Amino acid sequence: MTVSLENIHRRHESMLKTIEGFPFPGVVYAAGEGTIPSYDFSETRFLLRVRTTSPVREGMVVVDPNQRVFLTARHDYSLNQGAAVYRTLRLFPATQQLKWQREQTTLDPLTQLERGNGKADLGMIWALKEPITKEPIDLTLRIKEQAFRIITNVDLRDGDILDDMVVRRVDKVLGLTLAELQ
């Protein structure tokens, strides 16, 4: 085999798999962190380098040979003379599985208003759950509210419930869902 930019990284590849069990070759390495403040306790971020033909895309859950679970996010292509050599995806460690629920409503036939009808279980989801470092203080009661940042691959909505905490804000970033829990 001729050594080229397209295949030189293949000697470092490991066999990873999707959460469904589909195997694929890739290289997992830590992202450059720079200087991290001592008060930042966030999980290490990683990158995944895969071949351009790899079926792995953003929003998937993958497992490395050490059984670490990751959420994949969009990152970049490496180009050489205008042609893609390999793709790089961001990896967020999926540190836990959370119980996902959503409030159900029904239309009241008499008042024609929606009313609560209980919670629907939507299953367990993989997520990265990190505390938000700057917690807002309620100035009237002088108490802190516990808040978390959630990164997951499912489409959450405001008001969803994850492990008995309520989703307050939802954004789509890099092919994943970024939400706040309270």
N, C-alpha and C. Protein backbone atom coordinates (compact mmCIF):
# COMPACT_ATOMS: atom_id res chain seq x y z
N MET A 1 0.85 -1.18 0.00
CA MET A 1 0.00 0.00 0.00
C MET A 1 0.89 1.23 0.00
N THR A 2 0.58 2.17 -0.84
CA THR A 2 1.30 3.42 -0.93
C THR A 2 0.88 4.32 0.23
N VAL A 3 1.85 4.95 0.87
CA VAL A 3 1.54 5.86 1.96
C VAL A 3 1.13 7.20 1.38
N SER A 4 -0.03 7.69 1.80
CA SER A 4 -0.53 8.98 1.35
C SER A 4 -1.19 9.68 2.53
N LEU A 5 -1.55 10.93 2.35
CA LEU A 5 -2.24 11.65 3.41
C LEU A 5 -3.58 11.00 3.75
N GLU A 6 -4.18 10.34 2.77
CA GLU A 6 -5.48 9.72 3.00
C GLU A 6 -5.38 8.50 3.89
N ASN A 7 -4.29 7.75 3.85
CA ASN A 7 -4.24 6.51 4.62
C ASN A 7 -3.17 6.47 5.71
N ILE A 8 -2.40 7.54 5.88
CA ILE A 8 -1.33 7.49 6.87
C ILE A 8 -1.85 7.35 8.30
N HIS A 9 -3.03 7.90 8.59
CA HIS A 9 -3.56 7.81 9.95
C HIS A 9 -4.17 6.44 10.26
N ARG A 10 -4.31 5.59 9.27
CA ARG A 10 -4.95 4.29 9.47
C ARG A 10 -4.18 3.37 10.41
N ARG A 11 -2.88 3.56 10.53
CA ARG A 11 -2.11 2.69 11.43
C ARG A 11 -2.47 2.93 12.90
N HIS A 12 -3.12 4.05 13.21
CA HIS A 12 -3.52 4.35 14.58
C HIS A 12 -4.99 4.04 14.85
N GLU A 13 -5.70 3.54 13.85
CA GLU A 13 -7.13 3.30 14.02
C GLU A 13 -7.42 2.14 14.98
N SER A 14 -8.54 2.28 15.67
CA SER A 14 -9.10 1.23 16.51
C SER A 14 -10.50 0.93 16.00
N MET A 15 -11.03 -0.22 16.37
CA MET A 15 -12.41 -0.53 15.99
C MET A 15 -13.34 0.00 17.07
N LEU A 16 -14.19 0.92 16.68
CA LEU A 16 -15.22 1.45 17.55
C LEU A 16 -16.53 0.86 17.07
N LYS A 17 -17.62 1.15 17.77
CA LYS A 17 -18.94 0.69 17.31
C LYS A 17 -19.99 1.70 17.73
N THR A 18 -21.08 1.71 16.97
CA THR A 18 -22.21 2.53 17.37
C THR A 18 -22.91 1.82 18.52
N ILE A 19 -23.79 2.50 19.20
CA ILE A 19 -24.50 1.91 20.33
C ILE A 19 -25.36 0.72 19.89
N GLU A 20 -25.71 0.71 18.59
CA GLU A 20 -26.48 -0.42 18.03
C GLU A 20 -25.59 -1.60 17.70
N GLY A 21 -24.26 -1.42 17.75
CA GLY A 21 -23.32 -2.52 17.52
C GLY A 21 -22.65 -2.53 16.16
N PHE A 22 -22.84 -1.51 15.33
CA PHE A 22 -22.21 -1.45 14.01
C PHE A 22 -20.75 -1.02 14.16
N PRO A 23 -19.76 -1.86 13.75
CA PRO A 23 -18.34 -1.51 13.92
C PRO A 23 -17.84 -0.57 12.82
N PHE A 24 -16.87 0.27 13.18
CA PHE A 24 -16.22 1.16 12.21
C PHE A 24 -14.84 1.53 12.75
N PRO A 25 -13.86 1.78 11.87
CA PRO A 25 -12.53 2.19 12.32
C PRO A 25 -12.46 3.69 12.55
N GLY A 26 -11.67 4.09 13.55
CA GLY A 26 -11.49 5.51 13.83
C GLY A 26 -10.40 5.71 14.86
N VAL A 27 -10.02 6.97 15.06
CA VAL A 27 -9.00 7.33 16.02
C VAL A 27 -9.61 8.33 17.00
N VAL A 28 -9.57 8.01 18.30
CA VAL A 28 -10.07 8.90 19.35
C VAL A 28 -8.87 9.55 20.03
N TYR A 29 -8.92 10.87 20.14
CA TYR A 29 -7.85 11.59 20.85
C TYR A 29 -8.43 12.80 21.55
N ALA A 30 -7.76 13.22 22.63
CA ALA A 30 -8.23 14.36 23.42
C ALA A 30 -8.09 15.66 22.62
N ALA A 31 -9.09 16.51 22.73
CA ALA A 31 -9.03 17.82 22.07
C ALA A 31 -8.07 18.71 22.83
N GLY A 32 -7.44 19.63 22.13
CA GLY A 32 -6.53 20.56 22.79
C GLY A 32 -7.29 21.41 23.79
N GLU A 33 -6.88 21.36 25.03
CA GLU A 33 -7.61 22.03 26.10
C GLU A 33 -7.15 23.46 26.33
N GLY A 34 -5.85 23.73 26.15
CA GLY A 34 -5.34 25.05 26.50
C GLY A 34 -5.26 25.15 28.02
N THR A 35 -5.34 26.33 28.53
CA THR A 35 -5.29 26.53 29.97
C THR A 35 -6.71 26.42 30.53
N ILE A 36 -6.89 25.51 31.47
CA ILE A 36 -8.20 25.29 32.07
C ILE A 36 -8.19 25.87 33.48
N PRO A 37 -9.13 26.75 33.82
CA PRO A 37 -9.15 27.29 35.18
C PRO A 37 -9.44 26.20 36.21
N SER A 38 -8.95 26.39 37.42
CA SER A 38 -9.09 25.37 38.46
C SER A 38 -10.53 25.15 38.89
N TYR A 39 -11.41 26.12 38.65
CA TYR A 39 -12.81 25.97 39.06
C TYR A 39 -13.66 25.29 37.99
N ASP A 40 -13.10 24.97 36.83
CA ASP A 40 -13.83 24.31 35.76
C ASP A 40 -13.72 22.80 35.90
N PHE A 41 -14.84 22.15 36.22
CA PHE A 41 -14.84 20.71 36.43
C PHE A 41 -15.59 19.99 35.31
N SER A 42 -15.52 20.52 34.11
CA SER A 42 -16.22 19.89 32.99
C SER A 42 -15.45 18.66 32.51
N GLU A 43 -16.17 17.76 31.86
CA GLU A 43 -15.57 16.52 31.32
C GLU A 43 -14.63 16.86 30.16
N THR A 44 -13.63 16.04 29.99
CA THR A 44 -12.68 16.20 28.88
C THR A 44 -13.41 16.01 27.55
N ARG A 45 -13.10 16.85 26.59
CA ARG A 45 -13.66 16.73 25.25
C ARG A 45 -12.67 15.97 24.39
N PHE A 46 -13.20 15.19 23.45
CA PHE A 46 -12.37 14.38 22.57
C PHE A 46 -12.73 14.67 21.12
N LEU A 47 -11.89 14.20 20.21
CA LEU A 47 -12.15 14.26 18.78
C LEU A 47 -12.08 12.84 18.22
N LEU A 48 -12.83 12.60 17.18
CA LEU A 48 -12.84 11.30 16.49
C LEU A 48 -12.50 11.55 15.03
N ARG A 49 -11.43 10.92 14.56
CA ARG A 49 -11.05 11.02 13.15
C ARG A 49 -11.48 9.73 12.46
N VAL A 50 -12.29 9.87 11.41
CA VAL A 50 -12.78 8.71 10.66
C VAL A 50 -12.52 8.93 9.17
N ARG A 51 -12.60 7.85 8.44
CA ARG A 51 -12.45 7.93 6.98
C ARG A 51 -13.62 8.72 6.39
N THR A 52 -13.40 9.28 5.23
CA THR A 52 -14.45 10.08 4.59
C THR A 52 -15.67 9.24 4.24
N THR A 53 -15.49 7.93 4.07
CA THR A 53 -16.60 7.04 3.71
C THR A 53 -17.31 6.47 4.93
N SER A 54 -16.87 6.80 6.13
CA SER A 54 -17.46 6.25 7.35
C SER A 54 -18.93 6.68 7.48
N PRO A 55 -19.79 5.76 7.91
CA PRO A 55 -21.21 6.09 8.07
C PRO A 55 -21.50 6.88 9.35
N VAL A 56 -20.51 7.10 10.19
CA VAL A 56 -20.72 7.81 11.45
C VAL A 56 -20.96 9.29 11.18
N ARG A 57 -22.02 9.84 11.77
CA ARG A 57 -22.42 11.23 11.58
C ARG A 57 -22.68 11.86 12.95
N GLU A 58 -22.91 13.18 12.94
CA GLU A 58 -23.23 13.85 14.19
C GLU A 58 -24.57 13.35 14.73
N GLY A 59 -24.68 13.35 16.05
CA GLY A 59 -25.91 12.92 16.70
C GLY A 59 -25.97 11.43 17.00
N MET A 60 -24.88 10.70 16.74
CA MET A 60 -24.87 9.27 17.02
C MET A 60 -24.22 9.01 18.38
N VAL A 61 -24.47 7.83 18.93
CA VAL A 61 -23.83 7.40 20.17
C VAL A 61 -22.87 6.28 19.80
N VAL A 62 -21.58 6.45 20.17
CA VAL A 62 -20.56 5.47 19.82
C VAL A 62 -19.84 4.99 21.08
N VAL A 63 -19.24 3.80 20.99
CA VAL A 63 -18.51 3.19 22.10
C VAL A 63 -17.10 2.89 21.62
N ASP A 64 -16.09 3.28 22.40
CA ASP A 64 -14.71 3.01 22.01
C ASP A 64 -14.26 1.66 22.59
N PRO A 65 -13.05 1.18 22.25
CA PRO A 65 -12.59 -0.13 22.74
C PRO A 65 -12.50 -0.23 24.27
N ASN A 66 -12.41 0.92 24.97
CA ASN A 66 -12.38 0.93 26.44
C ASN A 66 -13.77 1.01 27.05
N GLN A 67 -14.81 0.85 26.22
CA GLN A 67 -16.21 0.88 26.64
C GLN A 67 -16.67 2.25 27.12
N ARG A 68 -15.97 3.31 26.71
CA ARG A 68 -16.45 4.66 27.00
C ARG A 68 -17.50 5.00 25.96
N VAL A 69 -18.57 5.66 26.39
CA VAL A 69 -19.68 6.02 25.51
C VAL A 69 -19.57 7.51 25.20
N PHE A 70 -19.74 7.86 23.90
CA PHE A 70 -19.61 9.24 23.45
C PHE A 70 -20.79 9.64 22.57
N LEU A 71 -21.11 10.92 22.58
CA LEU A 71 -22.05 11.54 21.64
C LEU A 71 -21.22 12.22 20.57
N THR A 72 -21.56 12.02 19.30
CA THR A 72 -20.80 12.63 18.21
C THR A 72 -21.43 13.95 17.79
N ALA A 73 -20.57 14.93 17.49
CA ALA A 73 -21.02 16.24 17.05
C ALA A 73 -20.22 16.68 15.83
N ARG A 74 -20.78 17.56 15.05
CA ARG A 74 -20.14 18.07 13.83
C ARG A 74 -18.84 18.79 14.18
N HIS A 75 -17.83 18.62 13.33
CA HIS A 75 -16.58 19.36 13.52
C HIS A 75 -16.03 19.84 12.18
N ASP A 76 -15.23 19.00 11.45
CA ASP A 76 -14.59 19.52 10.25
C ASP A 76 -14.08 18.40 9.36
N TYR A 77 -13.71 18.78 8.14
CA TYR A 77 -13.04 17.90 7.18
C TYR A 77 -11.59 18.32 7.07
N SER A 78 -10.71 17.38 6.78
CA SER A 78 -9.33 17.71 6.45
C SER A 78 -9.19 17.59 4.94
N LEU A 79 -8.75 18.65 4.30
CA LEU A 79 -8.66 18.69 2.84
C LEU A 79 -7.21 18.69 2.37
N ASN A 80 -6.99 18.07 1.22
CA ASN A 80 -5.69 18.10 0.55
C ASN A 80 -5.96 18.29 -0.94
N GLN A 81 -5.50 19.39 -1.47
CA GLN A 81 -5.71 19.73 -2.88
C GLN A 81 -7.18 19.67 -3.26
N GLY A 82 -8.04 20.18 -2.37
CA GLY A 82 -9.46 20.27 -2.64
C GLY A 82 -10.26 19.00 -2.39
N ALA A 83 -9.61 17.90 -2.04
CA ALA A 83 -10.31 16.64 -1.78
C ALA A 83 -10.26 16.32 -0.28
N ALA A 84 -11.36 15.80 0.24
CA ALA A 84 -11.42 15.42 1.66
C ALA A 84 -10.52 14.22 1.91
N VAL A 85 -9.66 14.32 2.92
CA VAL A 85 -8.74 13.24 3.28
C VAL A 85 -9.36 12.39 4.40
N TYR A 86 -9.91 13.05 5.42
CA TYR A 86 -10.65 12.38 6.48
C TYR A 86 -11.58 13.39 7.14
N ARG A 87 -12.50 12.88 7.96
CA ARG A 87 -13.45 13.73 8.69
C ARG A 87 -13.12 13.67 10.18
N THR A 88 -13.40 14.76 10.86
CA THR A 88 -13.23 14.81 12.30
C THR A 88 -14.56 15.19 12.93
N LEU A 89 -14.95 14.44 13.97
CA LEU A 89 -16.17 14.72 14.73
C LEU A 89 -15.77 15.06 16.16
N ARG A 90 -16.53 15.91 16.80
CA ARG A 90 -16.31 16.17 18.23
C ARG A 90 -16.98 15.05 19.02
N LEU A 91 -16.38 14.69 20.13
CA LEU A 91 -16.94 13.66 21.01
C LEU A 91 -17.19 14.25 22.39
N PHE A 92 -18.41 14.06 22.88
CA PHE A 92 -18.77 14.45 24.24
C PHE A 92 -19.03 13.18 25.02
N PRO A 93 -18.34 12.96 26.15
CA PRO A 93 -18.57 11.74 26.93
C PRO A 93 -20.02 11.67 27.39
N ALA A 94 -20.69 10.57 27.12
CA ALA A 94 -22.05 10.35 27.61
C ALA A 94 -21.90 9.69 28.97
N THR A 95 -21.90 10.49 30.01
CA THR A 95 -21.55 10.02 31.34
C THR A 95 -22.67 9.26 32.04
N GLN A 96 -23.90 9.42 31.57
CA GLN A 96 -25.00 8.72 32.22
C GLN A 96 -26.22 8.61 31.33
N GLN A 97 -27.12 7.71 31.73
CA GLN A 97 -28.40 7.59 31.07
C GLN A 97 -29.45 8.22 31.98
N LEU A 98 -30.31 9.03 31.39
CA LEU A 98 -31.34 9.73 32.15
C LEU A 98 -32.72 9.27 31.72
N LYS A 99 -33.65 9.24 32.67
CA LYS A 99 -35.04 8.89 32.37
C LYS A 99 -35.72 10.12 31.78
N TRP A 100 -36.29 9.96 30.57
CA TRP A 100 -36.89 11.07 29.83
C TRP A 100 -38.40 10.95 29.89
N GLN A 101 -39.06 12.02 30.33
CA GLN A 101 -40.51 12.07 30.39
C GLN A 101 -41.02 13.38 29.81
N ARG A 102 -42.27 13.37 29.36
CA ARG A 102 -42.89 14.58 28.81
C ARG A 102 -44.33 14.64 29.31
N GLU A 103 -44.75 15.83 29.73
CA GLU A 103 -46.14 16.03 30.16
C GLU A 103 -47.08 15.86 28.97
N GLN A 104 -48.15 15.11 29.19
CA GLN A 104 -49.16 14.93 28.15
C GLN A 104 -50.36 15.83 28.47
N THR A 105 -50.98 16.31 27.43
CA THR A 105 -52.18 17.13 27.61
C THR A 105 -53.29 16.58 26.73
N THR A 106 -54.51 16.82 27.18
CA THR A 106 -55.69 16.48 26.38
C THR A 106 -56.58 17.71 26.30
N LEU A 107 -57.42 17.75 25.31
CA LEU A 107 -58.35 18.86 25.13
C LEU A 107 -59.62 18.56 25.91
N ASP A 108 -59.94 19.44 26.84
CA ASP A 108 -61.17 19.28 27.63
C ASP A 108 -62.36 19.54 26.71
N PRO A 109 -63.29 18.58 26.60
CA PRO A 109 -64.41 18.76 25.67
C PRO A 109 -65.36 19.89 26.06
N LEU A 110 -65.43 20.20 27.34
CA LEU A 110 -66.35 21.24 27.79
C LEU A 110 -65.76 22.63 27.63
N THR A 111 -64.55 22.83 28.13
CA THR A 111 -63.95 24.16 28.11
C THR A 111 -63.12 24.43 26.86
N GLN A 112 -62.78 23.38 26.11
CA GLN A 112 -61.91 23.48 24.93
C GLN A 112 -60.52 23.99 25.28
N LEU A 113 -60.11 23.77 26.53
CA LEU A 113 -58.76 24.12 26.97
C LEU A 113 -57.96 22.85 27.20
N GLU A 114 -56.64 22.95 27.03
CA GLU A 114 -55.80 21.79 27.28
C GLU A 114 -55.59 21.63 28.78
N ARG A 115 -55.57 20.37 29.22
CA ARG A 115 -55.31 20.11 30.64
C ARG A 115 -54.32 18.95 30.74
N GLY A 116 -53.62 18.91 31.87
CA GLY A 116 -52.62 17.88 32.07
C GLY A 116 -53.23 16.50 32.16
N ASN A 117 -52.50 15.54 31.60
CA ASN A 117 -53.00 14.16 31.59
C ASN A 117 -51.91 13.19 32.06
N GLY A 118 -50.95 13.69 32.85
CA GLY A 118 -49.89 12.82 33.35
C GLY A 118 -48.64 12.90 32.49
N LYS A 119 -47.65 12.09 32.90
CA LYS A 119 -46.37 12.07 32.20
C LYS A 119 -46.26 10.84 31.33
N ALA A 120 -45.68 11.04 30.14
CA ALA A 120 -45.41 9.91 29.24
C ALA A 120 -43.93 9.57 29.34
N ASP A 121 -43.63 8.29 29.57
CA ASP A 121 -42.24 7.84 29.59
C ASP A 121 -41.74 7.71 28.16
N LEU A 122 -40.63 8.38 27.85
CA LEU A 122 -40.06 8.34 26.50
C LEU A 122 -38.78 7.52 26.45
N GLY A 123 -38.44 6.87 27.57
CA GLY A 123 -37.29 5.98 27.59
C GLY A 123 -36.09 6.59 28.27
N MET A 124 -34.97 5.89 28.14
CA MET A 124 -33.70 6.33 28.71
C MET A 124 -32.86 6.94 27.59
N ILE A 125 -32.17 8.03 27.89
CA ILE A 125 -31.33 8.69 26.89
C ILE A 125 -29.90 8.83 27.43
N TRP A 126 -28.93 8.77 26.52
CA TRP A 126 -27.53 9.02 26.87
C TRP A 126 -27.32 10.52 26.90
N ALA A 127 -26.58 11.00 27.90
CA ALA A 127 -26.35 12.44 28.02
C ALA A 127 -25.08 12.72 28.79
N LEU A 128 -24.55 13.90 28.56
CA LEU A 128 -23.49 14.47 29.37
C LEU A 128 -24.16 15.50 30.27
N LYS A 129 -24.06 15.32 31.57
CA LYS A 129 -24.69 16.22 32.54
C LYS A 129 -23.60 16.88 33.36
N GLU A 130 -23.53 18.22 33.27
CA GLU A 130 -22.51 18.98 33.99
C GLU A 130 -23.16 20.11 34.76
N PRO A 131 -22.66 20.41 35.96
CA PRO A 131 -23.21 21.56 36.70
C PRO A 131 -22.85 22.86 35.99
N ILE A 132 -23.76 23.80 36.03
CA ILE A 132 -23.47 25.13 35.49
C ILE A 132 -22.68 25.86 36.57
N THR A 133 -21.53 26.38 36.20
CA THR A 133 -20.60 26.91 37.20
C THR A 133 -21.12 28.15 37.91
N LYS A 134 -21.83 29.00 37.22
CA LYS A 134 -22.35 30.20 37.87
C LYS A 134 -23.84 30.03 38.10
N GLU A 135 -24.19 29.64 39.30
CA GLU A 135 -25.60 29.42 39.62
C GLU A 135 -26.27 30.75 39.95
N PRO A 136 -27.46 30.98 39.38
CA PRO A 136 -28.16 32.24 39.70
C PRO A 136 -28.68 32.20 41.14
N ILE A 137 -28.63 33.35 41.78
CA ILE A 137 -29.13 33.45 43.16
C ILE A 137 -30.46 34.17 43.14
N ASP A 138 -31.46 33.61 43.80
CA ASP A 138 -32.76 34.25 43.92
C ASP A 138 -32.63 35.32 45.00
N LEU A 139 -32.66 36.59 44.62
CA LEU A 139 -32.42 37.68 45.56
C LEU A 139 -33.54 37.85 46.58
N THR A 140 -34.75 37.44 46.25
CA THR A 140 -35.85 37.60 47.21
C THR A 140 -35.80 36.54 48.30
N LEU A 141 -35.49 35.31 47.96
CA LEU A 141 -35.44 34.24 48.95
C LEU A 141 -34.02 33.93 49.42
N ARG A 142 -33.03 34.43 48.70
CA ARG A 142 -31.62 34.22 49.01
C ARG A 142 -31.24 32.73 49.03
N ILE A 143 -31.71 32.01 48.01
CA ILE A 143 -31.33 30.61 47.87
C ILE A 143 -30.75 30.40 46.48
N LYS A 144 -29.89 29.41 46.38
CA LYS A 144 -29.33 29.05 45.08
C LYS A 144 -30.19 27.96 44.46
N GLU A 145 -30.34 28.05 43.16
CA GLU A 145 -31.08 27.03 42.42
C GLU A 145 -30.06 26.14 41.73
N GLN A 146 -30.20 24.85 41.89
CA GLN A 146 -29.27 23.93 41.26
C GLN A 146 -29.61 23.82 39.78
N ALA A 147 -28.61 24.03 38.93
CA ALA A 147 -28.83 23.98 37.49
C ALA A 147 -27.73 23.16 36.83
N PHE A 148 -28.11 22.45 35.77
CA PHE A 148 -27.18 21.60 35.04
C PHE A 148 -27.26 21.88 33.55
N ARG A 149 -26.17 21.63 32.85
CA ARG A 149 -26.12 21.67 31.40
C ARG A 149 -26.20 20.23 30.92
N ILE A 150 -27.04 19.98 29.92
CA ILE A 150 -27.22 18.64 29.36
C ILE A 150 -26.87 18.70 27.88
N ILE A 151 -26.07 17.73 27.44
CA ILE A 151 -25.79 17.56 26.01
C ILE A 151 -26.28 16.17 25.65
N THR A 152 -27.16 16.07 24.67
CA THR A 152 -27.74 14.78 24.28
C THR A 152 -28.04 14.77 22.79
N ASN A 153 -28.42 13.61 22.28
CA ASN A 153 -28.70 13.49 20.85
C ASN A 153 -30.19 13.40 20.55
N VAL A 154 -31.06 13.57 21.54
CA VAL A 154 -32.51 13.51 21.30
C VAL A 154 -33.07 14.93 21.27
N ASP A 155 -34.24 15.08 20.65
CA ASP A 155 -34.88 16.39 20.54
C ASP A 155 -35.70 16.68 21.79
N LEU A 156 -35.10 17.37 22.72
CA LEU A 156 -35.81 17.76 23.94
C LEU A 156 -36.65 19.00 23.66
N ARG A 157 -37.65 19.21 24.52
CA ARG A 157 -38.48 20.42 24.47
C ARG A 157 -38.48 21.07 25.84
N ASP A 158 -38.74 22.37 25.86
CA ASP A 158 -38.93 23.05 27.14
C ASP A 158 -40.03 22.34 27.91
N GLY A 159 -39.80 22.09 29.19
CA GLY A 159 -40.81 21.43 30.01
C GLY A 159 -40.64 19.92 30.12
N ASP A 160 -39.79 19.32 29.28
CA ASP A 160 -39.52 17.89 29.42
C ASP A 160 -38.90 17.64 30.79
N ILE A 161 -38.97 16.40 31.24
CA ILE A 161 -38.45 16.05 32.55
C ILE A 161 -37.37 14.98 32.39
N LEU A 162 -36.19 15.27 32.94
CA LEU A 162 -35.07 14.32 32.91
C LEU A 162 -34.67 14.04 34.35
N ASP A 163 -34.87 12.81 34.78
CA ASP A 163 -34.54 12.41 36.16
C ASP A 163 -35.11 13.41 37.18
N ASP A 164 -36.38 13.72 37.05
CA ASP A 164 -37.13 14.60 37.97
C ASP A 164 -36.65 16.05 37.98
N MET A 165 -35.92 16.47 36.96
CA MET A 165 -35.55 17.87 36.80
C MET A 165 -36.17 18.37 35.49
N VAL A 166 -36.55 19.64 35.46
CA VAL A 166 -37.27 20.20 34.32
C VAL A 166 -36.31 20.88 33.35
N VAL A 167 -36.50 20.62 32.06
CA VAL A 167 -35.74 21.26 30.99
C VAL A 167 -36.25 22.68 30.83
N ARG A 168 -35.33 23.66 30.94
CA ARG A 168 -35.72 25.07 30.88
C ARG A 168 -35.36 25.78 29.59
N ARG A 169 -34.29 25.40 28.95
CA ARG A 169 -33.88 26.06 27.71
C ARG A 169 -33.26 25.03 26.80
N VAL A 170 -33.60 25.06 25.52
CA VAL A 170 -33.10 24.07 24.56
C VAL A 170 -32.53 24.78 23.34
N ASP A 171 -31.32 24.35 22.93
CA ASP A 171 -30.68 24.87 21.71
C ASP A 171 -30.12 23.69 20.93
N LYS A 172 -30.10 23.80 19.61
CA LYS A 172 -29.44 22.81 18.74
C LYS A 172 -28.07 23.37 18.39
N VAL A 173 -27.02 22.59 18.72
CA VAL A 173 -25.65 23.03 18.48
C VAL A 173 -24.86 21.85 17.94
N LEU A 174 -24.21 22.02 16.78
CA LEU A 174 -23.32 21.02 16.19
C LEU A 174 -24.00 19.67 15.98
N GLY A 175 -25.30 19.67 15.77
CA GLY A 175 -26.03 18.42 15.54
C GLY A 175 -26.48 17.73 16.81
N LEU A 176 -26.29 18.36 17.96
CA LEU A 176 -26.73 17.82 19.25
C LEU A 176 -27.68 18.80 19.92
N THR A 177 -28.31 18.35 21.01
CA THR A 177 -29.20 19.21 21.78
C THR A 177 -28.48 19.65 23.05
N LEU A 178 -28.44 20.96 23.27
CA LEU A 178 -27.86 21.54 24.46
C LEU A 178 -29.02 22.13 25.27
N ALA A 179 -29.17 21.70 26.52
CA ALA A 179 -30.30 22.15 27.33
C ALA A 179 -29.85 22.46 28.74
N GLU A 180 -30.68 23.24 29.44
CA GLU A 180 -30.47 23.52 30.86
C GLU A 180 -31.54 22.83 31.67
N LEU A 181 -31.13 22.24 32.79
CA LEU A 181 -32.04 21.57 33.71
C LEU A 181 -32.08 22.34 35.01
N GLN A 182 -33.29 22.39 35.62
CA GLN A 182 -33.42 22.95 36.97
C GLN A 182 -34.28 22.03 37.79
